[in-house]
Amino acid sequence: MSETDLQAIILTLQLASLTTVCLLLVCVPCAYFLARSRSVVKPFIETIVTLPLVLPPTVMGYYFLVLFSPNDGLGLWLRNVLGIELVFSFSGIWLVSMIYSLPFTFRPLQSAFEQLPKDLHHAAALLGFSPMKQFHLVILPAIKPALFAATTLSFAHTIGEFGAILMIGGNIPGETQVLSLALFDHVESFNSQAAEQLALLMLIFSFVVVFACQWWQTQSSQNGYVVNNHVEGL
């Protein structure tokens, strides 16, 4: 395996890890709030969050490329005022990965929060727990399977992303070239041996992710038992 491929693997893991951590920090409280909300704008927010599931990656990448172009508009302002250039940079592919992997983190968490029984909140409140303690000591432990699923799906989806990253980040070795782009390069240059190595690596990873998600589904079937234990323990 070449040094360029190793750089692509390291960069991909860094991107997936950073994206997953940031999405969890943002999505956990936001999904909890939206799950309990009865606002008329809730369907609109859910549509925006779900949109990356059906929007072609190249379309999203194109609009990011136009929006953050350093030659005009917001991109020009970011470059001149803050010294930030998102096009063809790690920051740019991180931002587009955040948006494109958003539904894979947000929706499992929202669904889990919506399925929690009201008794869980009532029991914690009767014991005098503050809202913060209720959330950290009662709510989060009750949705562990959903947290696992959101983390796994977000990480895996970021690793497999291609189109949006290519549009906003280009294909710069050591800077924006992730694993999927390195594989594409090998195929284009007819380097079948290197392509087979990277393809096999991604295949094994995909199998592990699918297996983990299947395990999560088994855990989710026991979710009612876990929640009941929390209620009884309170």
C-alpha atoms as a PDB file:
ATOM      1  CA  MET A   1       0.000   0.000   0.000  1.00  0.00           C
ATOM      2  CA  SER A   2       1.435   3.370  -1.050  1.00  0.00           C
ATOM      3  CA  GLU A   3       2.074   6.367   1.172  1.00  0.00           C
ATOM      4  CA  THR A   4      -0.695   8.251  -0.631  1.00  0.00           C
ATOM      5  CA  ASP A   5      -3.193   5.496   0.219  1.00  0.00           C
ATOM      6  CA  LEU A   6      -2.123   5.548   3.871  1.00  0.00           C
ATOM      7  CA  GLN A   7      -2.607   9.310   3.921  1.00  0.00           C
ATOM      8  CA  ALA A   8      -6.080   8.833   2.441  1.00  0.00           C
ATOM      9  CA  ILE A   9      -6.966   6.247   5.102  1.00  0.00           C
ATOM     10  CA  ILE A  10      -5.729   8.464   7.945  1.00  0.00           C
ATOM     11  CA  LEU A  11      -7.511  11.515   6.532  1.00  0.00           C
ATOM     12  CA  THR A  12     -10.727   9.541   6.105  1.00  0.00           C
ATOM     13  CA  LEU A  13     -10.637   8.305   9.699  1.00  0.00           C
ATOM     14  CA  GLN A  14      -9.938  11.818  10.957  1.00  0.00           C
ATOM     15  CA  LEU A  15     -12.807  13.229   8.905  1.00  0.00           C
ATOM     16  CA  ALA A  16     -15.263  10.512   9.972  1.00  0.00           C
ATOM     17  CA  SER A  17     -14.299  10.803  13.655  1.00  0.00           C
ATOM     18  CA  LEU A  18     -14.545  14.607  13.736  1.00  0.00           C
ATOM     19  CA  THR A  19     -17.818  14.608  11.809  1.00  0.00           C
ATOM     20  CA  THR A  20     -19.380  11.969  14.070  1.00  0.00           C
ATOM     21  CA  VAL A  21     -18.358  13.667  17.321  1.00  0.00           C
ATOM     22  CA  CYS A  22     -19.575  17.082  16.151  1.00  0.00           C
ATOM     23  CA  LEU A  23     -22.863  15.680  14.887  1.00  0.00           C
ATOM     24  CA  LEU A  24     -23.540  13.909  18.176  1.00  0.00           C
ATOM     25  CA  LEU A  25     -22.843  17.086  20.146  1.00  0.00           C
ATOM     26  CA  VAL A  26     -25.303  18.995  17.967  1.00  0.00           C
ATOM     27  CA  CYS A  27     -27.943  16.342  17.260  1.00  0.00           C
ATOM     28  CA  VAL A  28     -28.478  14.875  20.736  1.00  0.00           C
ATOM     29  CA  PRO A  29     -29.921  18.059  22.314  1.00  0.00           C
ATOM     30  CA  CYS A  30     -31.601  19.201  19.078  1.00  0.00           C
ATOM     31  CA  ALA A  31     -33.276  15.827  18.462  1.00  0.00           C
ATOM     32  CA  TYR A  32     -34.479  15.764  22.082  1.00  0.00           C
ATOM     33  CA  PHE A  33     -35.979  19.232  21.729  1.00  0.00           C
ATOM     34  CA  LEU A  34     -37.628  18.452  18.388  1.00  0.00           C
ATOM     35  CA  ALA A  35     -39.029  15.141  19.655  1.00  0.00           C
ATOM     36  CA  ARG A  36     -40.818  16.989  22.486  1.00  0.00           C
ATOM     37  CA  SER A  37     -41.820  19.958  20.344  1.00  0.00           C
ATOM     38  CA  ARG A  38     -45.327  20.540  19.020  1.00  0.00           C
ATOM     39  CA  SER A  39     -44.366  23.570  16.937  1.00  0.00           C
ATOM     40  CA  VAL A  40     -45.990  24.111  13.546  1.00  0.00           C
ATOM     41  CA  VAL A  41     -42.516  24.407  12.005  1.00  0.00           C
ATOM     42  CA  LYS A  42     -41.549  20.902  13.140  1.00  0.00           C
ATOM     43  CA  PRO A  43     -42.439  19.253   9.768  1.00  0.00           C
ATOM     44  CA  PHE A  44     -40.379  21.899   7.968  1.00  0.00           C
ATOM     45  CA  ILE A  45     -37.336  21.255  10.180  1.00  0.00           C
ATOM     46  CA  GLU A  46     -37.720  17.490   9.724  1.00  0.00           C
ATOM     47  CA  THR A  47     -37.839  17.973   5.962  1.00  0.00           C
ATOM     48  CA  ILE A  48     -34.622  20.022   5.989  1.00  0.00           C
ATOM     49  CA  VAL A  49     -32.887  17.430   8.159  1.00  0.00           C
ATOM     50  CA  THR A  50     -34.018  14.541   5.934  1.00  0.00           C
ATOM     51  CA  LEU A  51     -33.269  16.277   2.617  1.00  0.00           C
ATOM     52  CA  PRO A  52     -29.653  14.983   2.328  1.00  0.00           C
ATOM     53  CA  LEU A  53     -31.041  11.429   2.165  1.00  0.00           C
ATOM     54  CA  VAL A  54     -32.601  12.086  -1.251  1.00  0.00           C
ATOM     55  CA  LEU A  55     -30.525  14.981  -2.577  1.00  0.00           C
ATOM     56  CA  PRO A  56     -27.774  13.816  -4.976  1.00  0.00           C
ATOM     57  CA  PRO A  57     -24.340  14.371  -3.403  1.00  0.00           C
ATOM     58  CA  THR A  58     -23.056  16.249  -6.438  1.00  0.00           C
ATOM     59  CA  VAL A  59     -25.965  18.700  -6.204  1.00  0.00           C
ATOM     60  CA  MET A  60     -25.157  19.466  -2.587  1.00  0.00           C
ATOM     61  CA  GLY A  61     -21.462  19.728  -3.409  1.00  0.00           C
ATOM     62  CA  TYR A  62     -22.219  22.106  -6.269  1.00  0.00           C
ATOM     63  CA  TYR A  63     -24.236  24.485  -4.100  1.00  0.00           C
ATOM     64  CA  PHE A  64     -21.548  24.427  -1.406  1.00  0.00           C
ATOM     65  CA  LEU A  65     -18.965  25.179  -4.084  1.00  0.00           C
ATOM     66  CA  VAL A  66     -20.985  28.168  -5.313  1.00  0.00           C
ATOM     67  CA  LEU A  67     -21.825  29.398  -1.815  1.00  0.00           C
ATOM     68  CA  PHE A  68     -18.278  29.268  -0.471  1.00  0.00           C
ATOM     69  CA  SER A  69     -16.392  30.271  -3.611  1.00  0.00           C
ATOM     70  CA  PRO A  70     -13.578  32.607  -2.485  1.00  0.00           C
ATOM     71  CA  ASN A  71     -14.206  34.891  -5.459  1.00  0.00           C
ATOM     72  CA  ASP A  72     -17.551  36.357  -4.383  1.00  0.00           C
ATOM     73  CA  GLY A  73     -20.383  36.324  -1.852  1.00  0.00           C
ATOM     74  CA  LEU A  74     -20.050  34.518   1.445  1.00  0.00           C
ATOM     75  CA  GLY A  75     -16.829  32.789   0.438  1.00  0.00           C
ATOM     76  CA  LEU A  76     -15.162  36.111  -0.378  1.00  0.00           C
ATOM     77  CA  TRP A  77     -16.294  37.555   2.972  1.00  0.00           C
ATOM     78  CA  LEU A  78     -14.976  34.544   4.884  1.00  0.00           C
ATOM     79  CA  ARG A  79     -11.599  34.836   3.153  1.00  0.00           C
ATOM     80  CA  ASN A  80     -11.187  38.590   3.565  1.00  0.00           C
ATOM     81  CA  VAL A  81     -12.646  39.012   7.059  1.00  0.00           C
ATOM     82  CA  LEU A  82     -11.946  35.730   8.844  1.00  0.00           C
ATOM     83  CA  GLY A  83      -9.171  34.317   6.689  1.00  0.00           C
ATOM     84  CA  ILE A  84     -11.131  31.102   6.087  1.00  0.00           C
ATOM     85  CA  GLU A  85     -11.216  29.287   2.752  1.00  0.00           C
ATOM     86  CA  LEU A  86     -13.536  26.297   2.648  1.00  0.00           C
ATOM     87  CA  VAL A  87     -13.154  25.321  -1.005  1.00  0.00           C
ATOM     88  CA  PHE A  88     -10.455  22.672  -1.564  1.00  0.00           C
ATOM     89  CA  SER A  89      -9.692  22.395   2.156  1.00  0.00           C
ATOM     90  CA  PHE A  90     -10.226  19.936   5.002  1.00  0.00           C
ATOM     91  CA  SER A  91     -12.591  22.409   6.671  1.00  0.00           C
ATOM     92  CA  GLY A  92     -14.736  22.388   3.557  1.00  0.00           C
ATOM     93  CA  ILE A  93     -15.057  18.613   3.309  1.00  0.00           C
ATOM     94  CA  TRP A  94     -15.750  18.483   7.057  1.00  0.00           C
ATOM     95  CA  LEU A  95     -18.598  20.980   6.692  1.00  0.00           C
ATOM     96  CA  VAL A  96     -20.179  19.175   3.746  1.00  0.00           C
ATOM     97  CA  SER A  97     -19.790  15.850   5.580  1.00  0.00           C
ATOM     98  CA  MET A  98     -21.601  17.323   8.585  1.00  0.00           C
ATOM     99  CA  ILE A  99     -24.558  18.311   6.423  1.00  0.00           C
ATOM    100  CA  TYR A 100     -24.659  15.154   4.339  1.00  0.00           C
ATOM    101  CA  SER A 101     -24.424  12.774   7.321  1.00  0.00           C
ATOM    102  CA  LEU A 102     -26.870  14.805   9.428  1.00  0.00           C
ATOM    103  CA  PRO A 103     -29.975  12.608   8.919  1.00  0.00           C
ATOM    104  CA  PHE A 104     -28.035   9.439   9.776  1.00  0.00           C
ATOM    105  CA  THR A 105     -27.343  10.890  13.213  1.00  0.00           C
ATOM    106  CA  PHE A 106     -30.439  12.967  13.823  1.00  0.00           C
ATOM    107  CA  ARG A 107     -33.279  10.665  12.803  1.00  0.00           C
ATOM    108  CA  PRO A 108     -32.379   7.601  14.944  1.00  0.00           C
ATOM    109  CA  LEU A 109     -32.007   9.881  17.961  1.00  0.00           C
ATOM    110  CA  GLN A 110     -35.275  11.709  17.326  1.00  0.00           C
ATOM    111  CA  SER A 111     -37.128   8.413  16.900  1.00  0.00           C
ATOM    112  CA  ALA A 112     -35.688   7.067  20.162  1.00  0.00           C
ATOM    113  CA  PHE A 113     -36.613  10.210  22.082  1.00  0.00           C
ATOM    114  CA  GLU A 114     -40.154  10.119  20.706  1.00  0.00           C
ATOM    115  CA  GLN A 115     -40.607   6.497  21.807  1.00  0.00           C
ATOM    116  CA  LEU A 116     -39.617   7.137  25.411  1.00  0.00           C
ATOM    117  CA  PRO A 117     -42.622   6.797  27.752  1.00  0.00           C
ATOM    118  CA  LYS A 118     -43.773   9.919  29.572  1.00  0.00           C
ATOM    119  CA  ASP A 119     -43.509   7.988  32.840  1.00  0.00           C
ATOM    120  CA  LEU A 120     -39.753   8.228  32.535  1.00  0.00           C
ATOM    121  CA  HIS A 121     -39.808  12.012  32.697  1.00  0.00           C
ATOM    122  CA  HIS A 122     -42.463  12.079  35.408  1.00  0.00           C
ATOM    123  CA  ALA A 123     -40.628   9.642  37.666  1.00  0.00           C
ATOM    124  CA  ALA A 124     -37.383  11.594  37.390  1.00  0.00           C
ATOM    125  CA  ALA A 125     -39.177  14.879  38.060  1.00  0.00           C
ATOM    126  CA  LEU A 126     -40.931  13.485  41.148  1.00  0.00           C
ATOM    127  CA  LEU A 127     -37.557  12.541  42.599  1.00  0.00           C
ATOM    128  CA  GLY A 128     -36.447  16.140  42.283  1.00  0.00           C
ATOM    129  CA  PHE A 129     -33.985  15.684  39.455  1.00  0.00           C
ATOM    130  CA  SER A 130     -33.162  18.904  37.624  1.00  0.00           C
ATOM    131  CA  PRO A 131     -33.800  18.917  33.859  1.00  0.00           C
ATOM    132  CA  MET A 132     -30.056  18.494  33.281  1.00  0.00           C
ATOM    133  CA  LYS A 133     -29.874  15.491  35.618  1.00  0.00           C
ATOM    134  CA  GLN A 134     -32.971  13.997  34.030  1.00  0.00           C
ATOM    135  CA  PHE A 135     -31.327  14.211  30.647  1.00  0.00           C
ATOM    136  CA  HIS A 136     -27.909  12.820  31.613  1.00  0.00           C
ATOM    137  CA  LEU A 137     -28.879  10.243  34.242  1.00  0.00           C
ATOM    138  CA  VAL A 138     -32.200   8.978  32.887  1.00  0.00           C
ATOM    139  CA  ILE A 139     -32.875   9.892  29.261  1.00  0.00           C
ATOM    140  CA  LEU A 140     -29.492   9.190  27.683  1.00  0.00           C
ATOM    141  CA  PRO A 141     -29.020   5.755  29.315  1.00  0.00           C
ATOM    142  CA  ALA A 142     -32.471   4.789  28.021  1.00  0.00           C
ATOM    143  CA  ILE A 143     -31.519   5.431  24.388  1.00  0.00           C
ATOM    144  CA  LYS A 144     -28.114   3.710  24.308  1.00  0.00           C
ATOM    145  CA  PRO A 145     -29.040   1.527  21.280  1.00  0.00           C
ATOM    146  CA  ALA A 146     -30.048   4.642  19.324  1.00  0.00           C
ATOM    147  CA  LEU A 147     -26.842   6.417  20.302  1.00  0.00           C
ATOM    148  CA  PHE A 148     -24.863   3.418  19.087  1.00  0.00           C
ATOM    149  CA  ALA A 149     -26.773   3.322  15.807  1.00  0.00           C
ATOM    150  CA  ALA A 150     -26.426   7.060  15.196  1.00  0.00           C
ATOM    151  CA  THR A 151     -22.696   6.929  15.870  1.00  0.00           C
ATOM    152  CA  THR A 152     -22.126   3.898  13.669  1.00  0.00           C
ATOM    153  CA  LEU A 153     -24.222   5.110  10.733  1.00  0.00           C
ATOM    154  CA  SER A 154     -22.737   8.603  10.799  1.00  0.00           C
ATOM    155  CA  PHE A 155     -19.171   7.297  10.892  1.00  0.00           C
ATOM    156  CA  ALA A 156     -19.778   4.774   8.109  1.00  0.00           C
ATOM    157  CA  HIS A 157     -21.642   7.199   5.886  1.00  0.00           C
ATOM    158  CA  THR A 158     -18.838   9.758   6.156  1.00  0.00           C
ATOM    159  CA  ILE A 159     -16.230   7.156   5.217  1.00  0.00           C
ATOM    160  CA  GLY A 160     -18.166   6.159   2.104  1.00  0.00           C
ATOM    161  CA  GLU A 161     -18.949   9.679   0.871  1.00  0.00           C
ATOM    162  CA  PHE A 162     -17.680  10.565  -2.601  1.00  0.00           C
ATOM    163  CA  GLY A 163     -19.591  13.083  -4.714  1.00  0.00           C
ATOM    164  CA  ALA A 164     -20.049  15.984  -2.306  1.00  0.00           C
ATOM    165  CA  ILE A 165     -16.455  15.758  -1.056  1.00  0.00           C
ATOM    166  CA  LEU A 166     -15.118  15.682  -4.621  1.00  0.00           C
ATOM    167  CA  MET A 167     -17.096  18.808  -5.536  1.00  0.00           C
ATOM    168  CA  ILE A 168     -16.108  20.962  -2.546  1.00  0.00           C
ATOM    169  CA  GLY A 169     -12.666  19.538  -1.764  1.00  0.00           C
ATOM    170  CA  GLY A 170     -11.305  18.379  -5.081  1.00  0.00           C
ATOM    171  CA  ASN A 171      -8.959  15.431  -4.908  1.00  0.00           C
ATOM    172  CA  ILE A 172      -5.780  16.741  -3.269  1.00  0.00           C
ATOM    173  CA  PRO A 173      -3.555  13.978  -1.794  1.00  0.00           C
ATOM    174  CA  GLY A 174      -2.843  14.543   1.881  1.00  0.00           C
ATOM    175  CA  GLU A 175      -5.392  17.372   2.155  1.00  0.00           C
ATOM    176  CA  THR A 176      -8.795  16.390   0.766  1.00  0.00           C
ATOM    177  CA  GLN A 177      -8.253  12.981  -0.849  1.00  0.00           C
ATOM    178  CA  VAL A 178     -10.298  10.518   1.190  1.00  0.00           C
ATOM    179  CA  LEU A 179     -10.417   6.756   0.741  1.00  0.00           C
ATOM    180  CA  SER A 180     -13.202   6.698  -1.848  1.00  0.00           C
ATOM    181  CA  LEU A 181     -11.382   9.273  -3.981  1.00  0.00           C
ATOM    182  CA  ALA A 182      -8.119   7.336  -3.751  1.00  0.00           C
ATOM    183  CA  LEU A 183      -9.950   4.230  -4.971  1.00  0.00           C
ATOM    184  CA  PHE A 184     -11.408   6.225  -7.857  1.00  0.00           C
ATOM    185  CA  ASP A 185      -7.917   7.418  -8.806  1.00  0.00           C
ATOM    186  CA  HIS A 186      -6.600   3.850  -8.924  1.00  0.00           C
ATOM    187  CA  VAL A 187      -9.476   2.736 -11.121  1.00  0.00           C
ATOM    188  CA  GLU A 188      -8.915   5.650 -13.500  1.00  0.00           C
ATOM    189  CA  SER A 189      -5.197   4.877 -13.750  1.00  0.00           C
ATOM    190  CA  PHE A 190      -5.873   1.126 -14.229  1.00  0.00           C
ATOM    191  CA  ASN A 191      -3.955   0.262 -11.059  1.00  0.00           C
ATOM    192  CA  SER A 192      -6.049  -2.809 -10.326  1.00  0.00           C
ATOM    193  CA  GLN A 193      -3.938  -4.149  -7.465  1.00  0.00           C
ATOM    194  CA  ALA A 194      -4.145  -0.947  -5.428  1.00  0.00           C
ATOM    195  CA  ALA A 195      -7.836  -0.596  -6.267  1.00  0.00           C
ATOM    196  CA  GLU A 196      -8.530  -4.144  -5.084  1.00  0.00           C
ATOM    197  CA  GLN A 197      -6.764  -3.486  -1.771  1.00  0.00           C
ATOM    198  CA  LEU A 198      -8.779  -0.354  -1.023  1.00  0.00           C
ATOM    199  CA  ALA A 199     -12.027  -1.900  -2.252  1.00  0.00           C
ATOM    200  CA  LEU A 200     -11.497  -4.952  -0.022  1.00  0.00           C
ATOM    201  CA  LEU A 201     -10.747  -2.709   2.941  1.00  0.00           C
ATOM    202  CA  MET A 202     -13.984  -0.780   2.419  1.00  0.00           C
ATOM    203  CA  LEU A 203     -15.931  -4.006   1.871  1.00  0.00           C
ATOM    204  CA  ILE A 204     -14.721  -5.437   5.190  1.00  0.00           C
ATOM    205  CA  PHE A 205     -15.539  -2.191   6.939  1.00  0.00           C
ATOM    206  CA  SER A 206     -19.027  -2.131   5.406  1.00  0.00           C
ATOM    207  CA  PHE A 207     -19.651  -5.692   6.565  1.00  0.00           C
ATOM    208  CA  VAL A 208     -18.647  -4.780  10.108  1.00  0.00           C
ATOM    209  CA  VAL A 209     -20.974  -1.763  10.051  1.00  0.00           C
ATOM    210  CA  VAL A 210     -23.941  -3.802   8.773  1.00  0.00           C
ATOM    211  CA  PHE A 211     -23.281  -6.476  11.383  1.00  0.00           C
ATOM    212  CA  ALA A 212     -23.123  -3.822  14.108  1.00  0.00           C
ATOM    213  CA  CYS A 213     -26.422  -2.335  12.951  1.00  0.00           C
ATOM    214  CA  GLN A 214     -28.055  -5.768  12.984  1.00  0.00           C
ATOM    215  CA  TRP A 215     -26.828  -6.201  16.541  1.00  0.00           C
ATOM    216  CA  TRP A 216     -28.302  -2.813  17.370  1.00  0.00           C
ATOM    217  CA  GLN A 217     -31.683  -3.905  16.025  1.00  0.00           C
ATOM    218  CA  THR A 218     -31.567  -6.864  18.414  1.00  0.00           C
ATOM    219  CA  GLN A 219     -30.774  -4.505  21.267  1.00  0.00           C
ATOM    220  CA  SER A 220     -33.561  -2.177  20.201  1.00  0.00           C
ATOM    221  CA  SER A 221     -36.105  -4.978  20.537  1.00  0.00           C
ATOM    222  CA  GLN A 222     -35.209  -5.039  24.237  1.00  0.00           C
ATOM    223  CA  ASN A 223     -35.545  -1.264  24.548  1.00  0.00           C
ATOM    224  CA  GLY A 224     -38.885  -1.484  26.293  1.00  0.00           C
ATOM    225  CA  TYR A 225     -37.347  -3.743  28.944  1.00  0.00           C
ATOM    226  CA  VAL A 226     -34.498  -1.279  29.491  1.00  0.00           C
ATOM    227  CA  VAL A 227     -36.850   1.674  29.830  1.00  0.00           C
ATOM    228  CA  ASN A 228     -39.072  -0.179  32.273  1.00  0.00           C
ATOM    229  CA  ASN A 229     -36.042  -0.957  34.391  1.00  0.00           C
ATOM    230  CA  HIS A 230     -35.187   2.738  34.471  1.00  0.00           C
ATOM    231  CA  VAL A 231     -38.690   3.650  35.564  1.00  0.00           C
ATOM    232  CA  GLU A 232     -38.787   0.983  38.241  1.00  0.00           C
ATOM    233  CA  GLY A 233     -35.317   1.955  39.449  1.00  0.00           C
ATOM    234  CA  LEU A 234     -36.439   5.518  39.947  1.00  0.00           C
END
